[in-house]
Amino acid sequence: MITLDPRTSALVLVDLMERIVGQELAPYSGGVVVARCAAMASAMRKVGGLVVNVRVERPNVTAQPPGSGFVADARPQEGDLEIVKRTWGAFHNTGLDEELRGRGITTLVIAGIATNFGVEQTARFADEFGYEVIVLECGTTGLDAKAHEFAFEYVFPRLGTVATSAELLAALG
């Protein structure tokens, strides 16, 4: 069971973009992950917690590829923080750490796509920067089910807490 103070917690949703959600993913489809993340974001907003929407842009190009926007159910809402990254993780040269610290955030709940890329890199940096890290197994999916399972068995437990979306929703009341 996890406990959260919404005033010091943020839900970080990684790369819920059309061109990423539409890929062949495992163990969960992009649509399933988006639905779970949308429910968690709604619950976080209702209790006054911060939702951080992260998307990637390819560096040094004049136009991003088609599908580079957020899917409809994952679009930022009023009061959310939108972060644009140009590397795998959400922290490098994005201002995310400064934004979170300026808001008194100490706990990050991380979900999104893809497990072994943007999600894992963001969780690793969050741990290094001293945040309490919670990674949501059923709110995350990858390009390969075995790699996803490896991350949740061996990597994420060493960075913080592995939880389910049901546990997060219960913690938010």
N, C-alpha and C. Protein backbone atom coordinates (compact mmCIF):
# COMPACT_ATOMS: atom_id res chain seq x y z
N MET A 1 0.84 -1.19 0.00
CA MET A 1 0.00 0.00 0.00
C MET A 1 0.87 1.24 0.00
N ILE A 2 0.53 2.17 -0.86
CA ILE A 2 1.29 3.41 -0.92
C ILE A 2 0.50 4.54 -0.29
N THR A 3 1.22 5.53 0.19
CA THR A 3 0.58 6.74 0.71
C THR A 3 1.18 7.93 -0.04
N LEU A 4 0.33 8.89 -0.30
CA LEU A 4 0.76 10.08 -1.04
C LEU A 4 0.17 11.33 -0.42
N ASP A 5 0.95 12.38 -0.42
CA ASP A 5 0.45 13.70 -0.11
C ASP A 5 0.34 14.42 -1.45
N PRO A 6 -0.87 14.69 -1.93
CA PRO A 6 -1.01 15.29 -3.25
C PRO A 6 -0.32 16.65 -3.38
N ARG A 7 -0.12 17.33 -2.26
CA ARG A 7 0.52 18.65 -2.30
C ARG A 7 2.00 18.55 -2.66
N THR A 8 2.60 17.37 -2.42
CA THR A 8 4.03 17.20 -2.69
C THR A 8 4.30 16.10 -3.70
N SER A 9 3.26 15.71 -4.43
CA SER A 9 3.38 14.60 -5.39
C SER A 9 3.01 15.06 -6.80
N ALA A 10 3.65 14.43 -7.77
CA ALA A 10 3.32 14.70 -9.18
C ALA A 10 3.21 13.37 -9.91
N LEU A 11 2.23 13.29 -10.79
CA LEU A 11 2.09 12.17 -11.71
C LEU A 11 2.77 12.57 -13.00
N VAL A 12 3.81 11.84 -13.38
CA VAL A 12 4.58 12.15 -14.59
C VAL A 12 4.20 11.14 -15.66
N LEU A 13 3.58 11.62 -16.73
CA LEU A 13 3.12 10.77 -17.82
C LEU A 13 4.04 10.97 -19.02
N VAL A 14 4.73 9.89 -19.40
CA VAL A 14 5.79 9.97 -20.40
C VAL A 14 5.29 9.52 -21.78
N ASP A 15 5.43 10.39 -22.76
CA ASP A 15 5.29 10.09 -24.18
C ASP A 15 3.97 9.45 -24.59
N LEU A 16 2.87 9.98 -24.10
CA LEU A 16 1.56 9.49 -24.52
C LEU A 16 1.13 10.24 -25.79
N MET A 17 1.94 10.04 -26.82
CA MET A 17 1.79 10.72 -28.10
C MET A 17 1.25 9.75 -29.14
N GLU A 18 0.56 10.28 -30.12
CA GLU A 18 -0.09 9.45 -31.13
C GLU A 18 0.88 8.46 -31.78
N ARG A 19 2.05 8.91 -32.20
CA ARG A 19 2.97 8.02 -32.92
C ARG A 19 3.61 6.98 -32.02
N ILE A 20 3.58 7.20 -30.72
CA ILE A 20 4.15 6.23 -29.78
C ILE A 20 3.06 5.28 -29.28
N VAL A 21 1.92 5.80 -28.92
CA VAL A 21 0.80 4.98 -28.45
C VAL A 21 0.36 3.99 -29.52
N GLY A 22 0.47 4.37 -30.78
CA GLY A 22 0.01 3.53 -31.87
C GLY A 22 0.94 2.39 -32.26
N GLN A 23 2.12 2.32 -31.64
CA GLN A 23 3.06 1.24 -31.96
C GLN A 23 2.59 -0.10 -31.38
N GLU A 24 3.22 -1.17 -31.85
CA GLU A 24 2.97 -2.48 -31.25
C GLU A 24 3.71 -2.51 -29.92
N LEU A 25 2.96 -2.66 -28.85
CA LEU A 25 3.51 -2.56 -27.49
C LEU A 25 3.15 -3.79 -26.68
N ALA A 26 3.92 -4.02 -25.61
CA ALA A 26 3.65 -5.17 -24.74
C ALA A 26 4.21 -4.88 -23.35
N PRO A 27 3.61 -5.35 -22.30
CA PRO A 27 2.53 -6.32 -22.25
C PRO A 27 1.13 -5.71 -22.42
N TYR A 28 1.02 -4.38 -22.42
CA TYR A 28 -0.28 -3.72 -22.56
C TYR A 28 -0.30 -2.92 -23.85
N SER A 29 -1.46 -2.76 -24.43
CA SER A 29 -1.59 -1.93 -25.62
C SER A 29 -1.49 -0.46 -25.22
N GLY A 30 -1.19 0.36 -26.20
CA GLY A 30 -1.14 1.79 -25.94
C GLY A 30 -2.46 2.33 -25.44
N GLY A 31 -3.56 1.84 -26.01
CA GLY A 31 -4.88 2.29 -25.61
C GLY A 31 -5.19 1.98 -24.15
N VAL A 32 -4.79 0.80 -23.70
CA VAL A 32 -5.00 0.42 -22.29
C VAL A 32 -4.20 1.33 -21.37
N VAL A 33 -2.95 1.60 -21.72
CA VAL A 33 -2.11 2.46 -20.89
C VAL A 33 -2.65 3.88 -20.86
N VAL A 34 -3.08 4.39 -21.99
CA VAL A 34 -3.65 5.75 -22.03
C VAL A 34 -4.89 5.83 -21.15
N ALA A 35 -5.76 4.85 -21.22
CA ALA A 35 -6.99 4.86 -20.40
C ALA A 35 -6.63 4.86 -18.91
N ARG A 36 -5.68 4.03 -18.52
CA ARG A 36 -5.27 3.98 -17.11
C ARG A 36 -4.63 5.30 -16.69
N CYS A 37 -3.77 5.84 -17.54
CA CYS A 37 -3.10 7.10 -17.21
C CYS A 37 -4.11 8.25 -17.13
N ALA A 38 -5.10 8.27 -18.01
CA ALA A 38 -6.12 9.31 -17.98
C ALA A 38 -6.91 9.25 -16.68
N ALA A 39 -7.25 8.05 -16.22
CA ALA A 39 -7.98 7.90 -14.96
C ALA A 39 -7.12 8.36 -13.78
N MET A 40 -5.84 8.02 -13.81
CA MET A 40 -4.95 8.44 -12.72
C MET A 40 -4.75 9.94 -12.73
N ALA A 41 -4.62 10.53 -13.92
CA ALA A 41 -4.45 11.98 -14.02
C ALA A 41 -5.69 12.70 -13.49
N SER A 42 -6.86 12.20 -13.83
CA SER A 42 -8.10 12.81 -13.35
C SER A 42 -8.16 12.76 -11.82
N ALA A 43 -7.81 11.62 -11.26
CA ALA A 43 -7.82 11.48 -9.80
C ALA A 43 -6.79 12.39 -9.14
N MET A 44 -5.63 12.51 -9.73
CA MET A 44 -4.59 13.37 -9.18
C MET A 44 -5.03 14.83 -9.21
N ARG A 45 -5.63 15.25 -10.31
CA ARG A 45 -6.10 16.64 -10.40
C ARG A 45 -7.19 16.92 -9.37
N LYS A 46 -8.09 15.96 -9.14
CA LYS A 46 -9.21 16.17 -8.21
C LYS A 46 -8.74 16.43 -6.79
N VAL A 47 -7.58 15.87 -6.42
CA VAL A 47 -7.09 16.07 -5.06
C VAL A 47 -6.02 17.15 -4.99
N GLY A 48 -5.83 17.88 -6.08
CA GLY A 48 -4.90 19.00 -6.08
C GLY A 48 -3.45 18.64 -6.39
N GLY A 49 -3.23 17.43 -6.87
CA GLY A 49 -1.87 17.03 -7.24
C GLY A 49 -1.50 17.53 -8.62
N LEU A 50 -0.23 17.54 -8.90
CA LEU A 50 0.29 18.01 -10.18
C LEU A 50 0.37 16.86 -11.18
N VAL A 51 -0.03 17.13 -12.41
CA VAL A 51 0.14 16.19 -13.52
C VAL A 51 1.16 16.80 -14.47
N VAL A 52 2.19 16.02 -14.79
CA VAL A 52 3.23 16.46 -15.71
C VAL A 52 3.10 15.64 -16.98
N ASN A 53 2.88 16.31 -18.10
CA ASN A 53 2.73 15.66 -19.40
C ASN A 53 4.04 15.86 -20.17
N VAL A 54 4.71 14.75 -20.48
CA VAL A 54 6.01 14.81 -21.13
C VAL A 54 5.86 14.29 -22.56
N ARG A 55 6.43 15.03 -23.50
CA ARG A 55 6.47 14.55 -24.88
C ARG A 55 7.86 14.80 -25.44
N VAL A 56 8.18 14.03 -26.46
CA VAL A 56 9.51 14.12 -27.06
C VAL A 56 9.43 14.84 -28.40
N GLU A 57 10.43 15.64 -28.65
CA GLU A 57 10.62 16.23 -29.97
C GLU A 57 11.99 15.82 -30.46
N ARG A 58 12.08 15.52 -31.73
CA ARG A 58 13.38 15.20 -32.32
C ARG A 58 14.18 16.48 -32.45
N PRO A 59 15.42 16.45 -32.00
CA PRO A 59 16.25 17.67 -32.08
C PRO A 59 16.70 17.94 -33.51
N ASN A 60 16.97 19.19 -33.79
CA ASN A 60 17.58 19.63 -35.05
C ASN A 60 16.76 19.30 -36.29
N VAL A 61 15.44 19.32 -36.15
CA VAL A 61 14.58 19.17 -37.32
C VAL A 61 13.59 20.33 -37.34
N THR A 62 13.18 20.73 -38.53
CA THR A 62 12.26 21.87 -38.61
C THR A 62 10.81 21.47 -38.34
N ALA A 63 10.47 20.24 -38.68
CA ALA A 63 9.10 19.78 -38.44
C ALA A 63 9.13 18.40 -37.77
N GLN A 64 8.32 18.24 -36.75
CA GLN A 64 8.24 16.95 -36.06
C GLN A 64 7.42 15.98 -36.92
N PRO A 65 7.66 14.67 -36.77
CA PRO A 65 6.91 13.70 -37.58
C PRO A 65 5.42 13.71 -37.24
N PRO A 66 4.59 13.24 -38.16
CA PRO A 66 3.16 13.15 -37.87
C PRO A 66 2.92 12.33 -36.59
N GLY A 67 1.92 12.73 -35.82
CA GLY A 67 1.59 12.01 -34.60
C GLY A 67 2.41 12.44 -33.40
N SER A 68 3.03 13.61 -33.47
CA SER A 68 3.89 14.07 -32.38
C SER A 68 3.13 14.77 -31.26
N GLY A 69 1.83 14.91 -31.41
CA GLY A 69 1.04 15.52 -30.35
C GLY A 69 0.52 14.46 -29.38
N PHE A 70 0.02 14.91 -28.24
CA PHE A 70 -0.57 14.00 -27.26
C PHE A 70 -1.85 13.39 -27.82
N VAL A 71 -2.13 12.13 -27.44
CA VAL A 71 -3.42 11.55 -27.79
C VAL A 71 -4.50 12.31 -27.04
N ALA A 72 -5.72 12.25 -27.55
CA ALA A 72 -6.81 13.06 -27.01
C ALA A 72 -6.97 12.91 -25.50
N ASP A 73 -6.96 11.68 -24.99
CA ASP A 73 -7.19 11.46 -23.55
C ASP A 73 -6.00 11.83 -22.67
N ALA A 74 -4.88 12.20 -23.28
CA ALA A 74 -3.69 12.53 -22.49
C ALA A 74 -3.24 13.98 -22.71
N ARG A 75 -4.10 14.78 -23.30
CA ARG A 75 -3.72 16.18 -23.51
C ARG A 75 -3.66 16.91 -22.17
N PRO A 76 -2.69 17.80 -22.04
CA PRO A 76 -2.58 18.58 -20.80
C PRO A 76 -3.86 19.38 -20.53
N GLN A 77 -4.19 19.45 -19.25
CA GLN A 77 -5.35 20.23 -18.79
C GLN A 77 -4.84 21.47 -18.07
N GLU A 78 -5.73 22.38 -17.80
CA GLU A 78 -5.36 23.59 -17.07
C GLU A 78 -4.73 23.20 -15.72
N GLY A 79 -3.61 23.78 -15.41
CA GLY A 79 -2.91 23.48 -14.17
C GLY A 79 -1.84 22.41 -14.31
N ASP A 80 -1.85 21.67 -15.42
CA ASP A 80 -0.81 20.66 -15.67
C ASP A 80 0.48 21.35 -16.10
N LEU A 81 1.56 20.62 -16.03
CA LEU A 81 2.85 21.07 -16.51
C LEU A 81 3.20 20.25 -17.74
N GLU A 82 3.54 20.92 -18.84
CA GLU A 82 3.96 20.22 -20.05
C GLU A 82 5.47 20.37 -20.20
N ILE A 83 6.13 19.25 -20.42
CA ILE A 83 7.58 19.22 -20.59
C ILE A 83 7.89 18.65 -21.97
N VAL A 84 8.78 19.31 -22.70
CA VAL A 84 9.25 18.81 -23.98
C VAL A 84 10.69 18.36 -23.79
N LYS A 85 10.94 17.10 -24.12
CA LYS A 85 12.28 16.54 -23.99
C LYS A 85 12.84 16.24 -25.37
N ARG A 86 14.15 16.15 -25.43
CA ARG A 86 14.81 15.84 -26.70
C ARG A 86 15.75 14.64 -26.55
N THR A 87 15.66 14.00 -25.39
CA THR A 87 16.41 12.78 -25.10
C THR A 87 15.43 11.78 -24.52
N TRP A 88 15.91 10.63 -24.09
CA TRP A 88 15.01 9.61 -23.54
C TRP A 88 14.28 10.08 -22.30
N GLY A 89 14.97 10.69 -21.37
CA GLY A 89 14.38 11.04 -20.08
C GLY A 89 13.82 12.45 -20.04
N ALA A 90 12.97 12.69 -19.05
CA ALA A 90 12.27 13.96 -18.93
C ALA A 90 13.06 15.05 -18.20
N PHE A 91 14.25 14.74 -17.68
CA PHE A 91 14.98 15.72 -16.89
C PHE A 91 16.06 16.49 -17.65
N HIS A 92 16.74 15.87 -18.58
CA HIS A 92 17.91 16.50 -19.23
C HIS A 92 17.53 17.75 -20.03
N ASN A 93 18.01 18.90 -19.58
CA ASN A 93 17.81 20.19 -20.26
C ASN A 93 16.34 20.54 -20.53
N THR A 94 15.46 20.18 -19.60
CA THR A 94 14.04 20.48 -19.79
C THR A 94 13.48 21.46 -18.76
N GLY A 95 14.20 21.68 -17.66
CA GLY A 95 13.69 22.52 -16.59
C GLY A 95 12.75 21.78 -15.65
N LEU A 96 12.57 20.48 -15.84
CA LEU A 96 11.63 19.72 -15.01
C LEU A 96 12.02 19.76 -13.54
N ASP A 97 13.28 19.51 -13.24
CA ASP A 97 13.71 19.49 -11.84
C ASP A 97 13.42 20.84 -11.17
N GLU A 98 13.73 21.92 -11.84
CA GLU A 98 13.50 23.26 -11.26
C GLU A 98 12.00 23.51 -11.06
N GLU A 99 11.19 23.10 -12.03
CA GLU A 99 9.73 23.28 -11.90
C GLU A 99 9.19 22.50 -10.70
N LEU A 100 9.64 21.25 -10.55
CA LEU A 100 9.15 20.43 -9.44
C LEU A 100 9.61 20.98 -8.10
N ARG A 101 10.87 21.31 -7.98
CA ARG A 101 11.38 21.84 -6.71
C ARG A 101 10.70 23.16 -6.36
N GLY A 102 10.45 23.99 -7.36
CA GLY A 102 9.77 25.26 -7.12
C GLY A 102 8.34 25.09 -6.62
N ARG A 103 7.76 23.93 -6.86
CA ARG A 103 6.40 23.64 -6.42
C ARG A 103 6.38 22.77 -5.16
N GLY A 104 7.56 22.45 -4.62
CA GLY A 104 7.64 21.64 -3.41
C GLY A 104 7.37 20.17 -3.63
N ILE A 105 7.54 19.68 -4.84
CA ILE A 105 7.28 18.27 -5.16
C ILE A 105 8.45 17.41 -4.69
N THR A 106 8.13 16.35 -3.96
CA THR A 106 9.16 15.42 -3.47
C THR A 106 8.93 13.98 -3.93
N THR A 107 7.73 13.69 -4.41
CA THR A 107 7.38 12.33 -4.84
C THR A 107 6.92 12.36 -6.28
N LEU A 108 7.50 11.45 -7.10
CA LEU A 108 7.08 11.33 -8.49
C LEU A 108 6.48 9.96 -8.72
N VAL A 109 5.28 9.95 -9.27
CA VAL A 109 4.62 8.74 -9.70
C VAL A 109 4.77 8.73 -11.22
N ILE A 110 5.44 7.72 -11.76
CA ILE A 110 5.81 7.73 -13.17
C ILE A 110 5.09 6.62 -13.93
N ALA A 111 4.55 6.98 -15.09
CA ALA A 111 3.86 6.02 -15.97
C ALA A 111 4.03 6.48 -17.40
N GLY A 112 3.68 5.62 -18.35
CA GLY A 112 3.71 6.01 -19.75
C GLY A 112 4.39 4.99 -20.63
N ILE A 113 4.93 5.47 -21.73
CA ILE A 113 5.51 4.61 -22.76
C ILE A 113 6.85 5.21 -23.18
N ALA A 114 7.84 4.48 -23.31
CA ALA A 114 8.01 3.05 -23.22
C ALA A 114 8.83 2.71 -21.97
N THR A 115 8.50 1.59 -21.39
CA THR A 115 9.09 1.16 -20.12
C THR A 115 10.59 1.34 -20.08
N ASN A 116 11.30 0.76 -21.04
CA ASN A 116 12.77 0.71 -20.98
C ASN A 116 13.44 1.89 -21.64
N PHE A 117 12.69 2.88 -22.01
CA PHE A 117 13.26 4.07 -22.63
C PHE A 117 12.91 5.29 -21.78
N GLY A 118 11.88 6.03 -22.17
CA GLY A 118 11.55 7.26 -21.47
C GLY A 118 11.17 7.07 -20.02
N VAL A 119 10.41 6.03 -19.71
CA VAL A 119 9.97 5.80 -18.33
C VAL A 119 11.17 5.46 -17.44
N GLU A 120 11.98 4.50 -17.87
CA GLU A 120 13.12 4.09 -17.06
C GLU A 120 14.14 5.21 -16.89
N GLN A 121 14.44 5.93 -17.97
CA GLN A 121 15.41 7.02 -17.87
C GLN A 121 14.91 8.11 -16.93
N THR A 122 13.64 8.43 -17.00
CA THR A 122 13.06 9.43 -16.12
C THR A 122 13.12 8.96 -14.67
N ALA A 123 12.81 7.71 -14.42
CA ALA A 123 12.86 7.16 -13.05
C ALA A 123 14.29 7.16 -12.51
N ARG A 124 15.24 6.81 -13.34
CA ARG A 124 16.65 6.79 -12.90
C ARG A 124 17.10 8.19 -12.49
N PHE A 125 16.80 9.19 -13.31
CA PHE A 125 17.19 10.56 -12.97
C PHE A 125 16.44 11.06 -11.74
N ALA A 126 15.16 10.73 -11.64
CA ALA A 126 14.38 11.14 -10.48
C ALA A 126 15.02 10.62 -9.20
N ASP A 127 15.45 9.36 -9.22
CA ASP A 127 16.13 8.78 -8.07
C ASP A 127 17.43 9.52 -7.79
N GLU A 128 18.21 9.78 -8.81
CA GLU A 128 19.48 10.47 -8.62
C GLU A 128 19.29 11.88 -8.07
N PHE A 129 18.19 12.52 -8.45
CA PHE A 129 17.91 13.87 -7.96
C PHE A 129 17.23 13.87 -6.59
N GLY A 130 17.01 12.69 -6.01
CA GLY A 130 16.51 12.61 -4.64
C GLY A 130 15.01 12.57 -4.49
N TYR A 131 14.28 12.37 -5.55
CA TYR A 131 12.82 12.26 -5.43
C TYR A 131 12.45 10.86 -4.95
N GLU A 132 11.36 10.75 -4.22
CA GLU A 132 10.77 9.45 -3.94
C GLU A 132 10.11 9.01 -5.25
N VAL A 133 10.43 7.81 -5.70
CA VAL A 133 9.99 7.33 -7.01
C VAL A 133 8.99 6.19 -6.84
N ILE A 134 7.86 6.31 -7.53
CA ILE A 134 6.86 5.25 -7.62
C ILE A 134 6.61 5.03 -9.11
N VAL A 135 6.79 3.80 -9.57
CA VAL A 135 6.54 3.49 -10.98
C VAL A 135 5.34 2.55 -11.05
N LEU A 136 4.40 2.90 -11.92
CA LEU A 136 3.15 2.16 -12.03
C LEU A 136 3.25 1.10 -13.11
N GLU A 137 3.27 -0.16 -12.70
CA GLU A 137 3.46 -1.26 -13.64
C GLU A 137 2.35 -1.32 -14.68
N CYS A 138 1.11 -1.21 -14.28
CA CYS A 138 0.01 -1.35 -15.24
C CYS A 138 -0.30 -0.05 -15.96
N GLY A 139 0.42 1.01 -15.64
CA GLY A 139 0.28 2.28 -16.34
C GLY A 139 1.46 2.52 -17.26
N THR A 140 2.19 1.47 -17.52
CA THR A 140 3.42 1.54 -18.31
C THR A 140 3.46 0.35 -19.25
N THR A 141 4.00 0.53 -20.42
CA THR A 141 4.19 -0.58 -21.35
C THR A 141 5.41 -0.30 -22.20
N GLY A 142 5.89 -1.36 -22.84
CA GLY A 142 7.12 -1.21 -23.61
C GLY A 142 7.02 -1.79 -25.00
N LEU A 143 8.17 -1.84 -25.63
CA LEU A 143 8.26 -2.42 -26.96
C LEU A 143 8.38 -3.93 -26.90
N ASP A 144 8.68 -4.45 -25.70
CA ASP A 144 8.90 -5.89 -25.53
C ASP A 144 8.46 -6.28 -24.13
N ALA A 145 7.65 -7.30 -24.01
CA ALA A 145 7.13 -7.72 -22.71
C ALA A 145 8.24 -8.20 -21.77
N LYS A 146 9.22 -8.92 -22.30
CA LYS A 146 10.30 -9.42 -21.44
C LYS A 146 11.13 -8.28 -20.88
N ALA A 147 11.42 -7.29 -21.68
CA ALA A 147 12.18 -6.13 -21.20
C ALA A 147 11.37 -5.37 -20.14
N HIS A 148 10.07 -5.24 -20.37
CA HIS A 148 9.18 -4.59 -19.40
C HIS A 148 9.24 -5.33 -18.06
N GLU A 149 9.10 -6.65 -18.12
CA GLU A 149 9.14 -7.46 -16.90
C GLU A 149 10.48 -7.33 -16.19
N PHE A 150 11.58 -7.33 -16.94
CA PHE A 150 12.91 -7.18 -16.35
C PHE A 150 13.00 -5.86 -15.58
N ALA A 151 12.53 -4.78 -16.19
CA ALA A 151 12.58 -3.48 -15.54
C ALA A 151 11.81 -3.49 -14.22
N PHE A 152 10.64 -4.13 -14.21
CA PHE A 152 9.83 -4.13 -13.00
C PHE A 152 10.31 -5.12 -11.96
N GLU A 153 11.04 -6.15 -12.38
CA GLU A 153 11.60 -7.10 -11.41
C GLU A 153 12.93 -6.63 -10.83
N TYR A 154 13.78 -6.00 -11.67
CA TYR A 154 15.15 -5.73 -11.24
C TYR A 154 15.54 -4.26 -11.15
N VAL A 155 14.99 -3.41 -11.98
CA VAL A 155 15.43 -2.01 -12.00
C VAL A 155 14.58 -1.15 -11.07
N PHE A 156 13.28 -1.09 -11.32
CA PHE A 156 12.43 -0.17 -10.59
C PHE A 156 12.38 -0.41 -9.08
N PRO A 157 12.40 -1.65 -8.60
CA PRO A 157 12.41 -1.83 -7.14
C PRO A 157 13.65 -1.24 -6.47
N ARG A 158 14.74 -1.09 -7.22
CA ARG A 158 15.95 -0.51 -6.67
C ARG A 158 15.91 1.03 -6.68
N LEU A 159 15.00 1.58 -7.47
CA LEU A 159 14.86 3.03 -7.55
C LEU A 159 13.78 3.57 -6.63
N GLY A 160 12.86 2.70 -6.24
CA GLY A 160 11.75 3.16 -5.42
C GLY A 160 10.71 2.08 -5.25
N THR A 161 9.46 2.45 -5.45
CA THR A 161 8.32 1.56 -5.22
C THR A 161 7.65 1.22 -6.54
N VAL A 162 7.30 -0.04 -6.70
CA VAL A 162 6.48 -0.48 -7.82
C VAL A 162 5.06 -0.60 -7.30
N ALA A 163 4.13 -0.01 -8.03
CA ALA A 163 2.73 -0.02 -7.59
C ALA A 163 1.82 -0.23 -8.81
N THR A 164 0.54 -0.39 -8.53
CA THR A 164 -0.46 -0.51 -9.58
C THR A 164 -1.29 0.78 -9.62
N SER A 165 -2.02 0.96 -10.70
CA SER A 165 -2.90 2.11 -10.78
C SER A 165 -3.99 2.04 -9.71
N ALA A 166 -4.45 0.83 -9.39
CA ALA A 166 -5.45 0.67 -8.32
C ALA A 166 -4.90 1.14 -6.99
N GLU A 167 -3.64 0.83 -6.70
CA GLU A 167 -3.01 1.29 -5.44
C GLU A 167 -2.90 2.82 -5.43
N LEU A 168 -2.55 3.41 -6.58
CA LEU A 168 -2.47 4.87 -6.64
C LEU A 168 -3.84 5.49 -6.43
N LEU A 169 -4.84 4.97 -7.10
CA LEU A 169 -6.19 5.52 -6.95
C LEU A 169 -6.68 5.41 -5.50
N ALA A 170 -6.36 4.30 -4.86
CA ALA A 170 -6.74 4.13 -3.45
C ALA A 170 -6.00 5.14 -2.57
N ALA A 171 -4.73 5.37 -2.87
CA ALA A 171 -3.95 6.33 -2.07
C ALA A 171 -4.47 7.76 -2.24
N LEU A 172 -5.04 8.05 -3.40
CA LEU A 172 -5.59 9.38 -3.65
C LEU A 172 -7.00 9.53 -3.11
N GLY A 173 -7.61 8.40 -2.71
CA GLY A 173 -8.95 8.45 -2.10
C GLY A 173 -10.01 8.60 -3.13
